[in-house]
Amino acid sequence: MCVLLGIVLILGAFIAIPYYNVWQQEMSGRAEFAKAEQNRKIKIEEAKANLEAEKLNAQAEIERARGAAEAIRIENGSLTPTYIQYLWVRQQNDLNNKTVIYVPTETNLPILEASRLPKP
């Protein structure tokens, strides 16, 4: 009786193991498909975010250009040397901890240095 039970168990294992392997591969395939689908959705969302950022950057650039055009219009359509000097000085605020030395000249325009000597 015990030998018969052992033979039935072995035969059952020979039948069940191939079905289990097929089932396991099917589940693995489904998991890989779900992962690929999720990665695709993530890439689509990233592309949408990049598109939105580019649209906002374009709108900001348009507004900057409108502001510059309005400033020029207020100046009666002409840029005066004084206004150009003002813009240059205002730009110097963005130098981030760099030393700038202003040297007065006859026309009160700053002298732009050609190069700096390396620090010893």
Protein backbone atom coordinates (compact mmCIF):
# COMPACT_ATOMS: atom_id res chain seq x y z
CA MET A 1 0.00 0.00 0.00
CA CYS A 2 2.80 2.40 0.90
CA VAL A 3 4.64 1.59 -2.31
CA LEU A 4 1.48 2.21 -4.33
CA LEU A 5 0.99 5.58 -2.61
CA GLY A 6 4.61 6.52 -3.38
CA ILE A 7 4.21 5.59 -7.05
CA VAL A 8 1.01 7.68 -7.30
CA LEU A 9 2.77 10.66 -5.71
CA ILE A 10 5.72 10.37 -8.10
CA LEU A 11 3.40 10.09 -11.12
CA GLY A 12 1.37 13.05 -9.83
CA ALA A 13 4.58 15.08 -9.51
CA PHE A 14 5.57 14.21 -13.09
CA ILE A 15 2.20 15.47 -14.28
CA ALA A 16 1.93 18.54 -12.01
CA ILE A 17 5.47 19.94 -12.41
CA PRO A 18 5.15 20.79 -16.14
CA TYR A 19 1.81 22.52 -15.49
CA TYR A 20 3.37 24.44 -12.61
CA ASN A 21 6.30 25.54 -14.83
CA VAL A 22 3.89 26.79 -17.50
CA TRP A 23 1.85 28.65 -14.89
CA GLN A 24 5.01 30.16 -13.36
CA GLN A 25 6.25 31.38 -16.76
CA GLU A 26 2.84 32.87 -17.53
CA MET A 27 2.85 34.78 -14.24
CA SER A 28 6.42 35.96 -14.90
CA GLY A 29 5.39 37.17 -18.36
CA ARG A 30 2.43 39.05 -16.92
CA ALA A 31 4.68 40.71 -14.35
CA GLU A 32 7.17 41.79 -17.04
CA PHE A 33 4.34 43.12 -19.19
CA ALA A 34 2.91 45.12 -16.28
CA LYS A 35 6.37 46.53 -15.54
CA ALA A 36 6.89 47.52 -19.20
CA GLU A 37 3.44 49.14 -19.27
CA GLN A 38 4.24 51.13 -16.12
CA ASN A 39 7.59 52.27 -17.55
CA ARG A 40 5.82 53.40 -20.73
CA LYS A 41 3.31 55.42 -18.69
CA ILE A 42 6.16 57.02 -16.71
CA LYS A 43 7.94 58.05 -19.93
CA ILE A 44 4.72 59.54 -21.29
CA GLU A 45 4.18 61.57 -18.10
CA GLU A 46 7.81 62.78 -18.18
CA ALA A 47 7.38 63.86 -21.81
CA LYS A 48 4.18 65.73 -20.90
CA ALA A 49 5.98 67.48 -18.04
CA ASN A 50 8.87 68.47 -20.35
CA LEU A 51 6.40 69.82 -22.90
CA GLU A 52 4.62 71.85 -20.23
CA ALA A 53 7.95 73.23 -18.97
CA GLU A 54 8.96 74.25 -22.50
CA LYS A 55 5.61 75.97 -23.03
CA LEU A 56 6.06 77.90 -19.77
CA ASN A 57 9.63 78.85 -20.73
CA ALA A 58 8.38 80.10 -24.09
CA GLN A 59 5.67 82.16 -22.40
CA ALA A 60 8.23 83.63 -19.99
CA GLU A 61 10.49 84.56 -22.92
CA ILE A 62 7.56 86.20 -24.72
CA GLU A 63 6.71 88.22 -21.60
CA ARG A 64 10.36 89.25 -21.22
CA ALA A 65 10.42 90.41 -24.85
CA ARG A 66 7.16 92.33 -24.35
CA GLY A 67 8.64 94.00 -21.29
CA ALA A 68 11.78 94.98 -23.20
CA ALA A 69 9.70 96.28 -26.09
CA GLU A 70 7.57 98.30 -23.68
CA ALA A 71 10.69 99.71 -22.04
CA ILE A 72 12.06 100.77 -25.41
CA ARG A 73 8.71 102.29 -26.36
CA ILE A 74 8.72 104.27 -23.11
CA GLU A 75 12.18 105.54 -24.04
CA ASN A 76 10.57 106.95 -27.22
CA GLY A 77 11.88 104.11 -29.35
CA SER A 78 15.53 104.91 -28.83
CA LEU A 79 18.18 103.55 -26.53
CA THR A 80 20.24 106.34 -25.06
CA PRO A 81 23.83 105.80 -23.94
CA THR A 82 22.70 106.50 -20.38
CA TYR A 83 20.07 103.77 -20.56
CA ILE A 84 22.59 101.31 -22.02
CA GLN A 85 24.97 102.15 -19.16
CA TYR A 86 22.15 101.60 -16.66
CA LEU A 87 21.41 98.18 -18.18
CA TRP A 88 25.10 97.24 -18.03
CA VAL A 89 25.40 98.23 -14.37
CA ARG A 90 22.18 96.36 -13.54
CA GLN A 91 23.59 93.25 -15.24
CA GLN A 92 26.59 93.35 -12.91
CA ASN A 93 24.37 92.21 -10.03
CA ASP A 94 24.39 88.73 -11.56
CA LEU A 95 28.16 88.24 -11.28
CA ASN A 96 27.91 86.18 -8.06
CA ASN A 97 30.79 87.19 -5.80
CA LYS A 98 33.13 88.43 -8.52
CA THR A 99 35.08 91.61 -7.99
CA VAL A 100 34.32 94.45 -10.37
CA ILE A 101 36.24 97.70 -10.32
CA TYR A 102 34.63 100.73 -11.96
CA VAL A 103 37.04 103.17 -13.55
CA PRO A 104 35.49 106.52 -14.49
CA THR A 105 36.19 107.74 -17.99
CA GLU A 106 35.43 110.91 -19.93
CA THR A 107 32.10 109.55 -21.15
CA ASN A 108 31.22 107.91 -17.80
CA LEU A 109 31.09 104.49 -19.47
CA PRO A 110 32.80 101.59 -17.69
CA ILE A 111 35.95 100.08 -19.14
CA LEU A 112 35.51 96.38 -19.72
CA GLU A 113 38.64 94.52 -18.83
CA ALA A 114 40.09 92.24 -21.49
CA SER A 115 41.60 89.71 -19.10
CA ARG A 116 42.52 89.14 -15.48
CA LEU A 117 45.89 88.28 -14.13
CA PRO A 118 45.92 84.90 -12.40
CA LYS A 119 46.13 85.03 -8.62
CA PRO A 120 49.53 83.91 -7.23
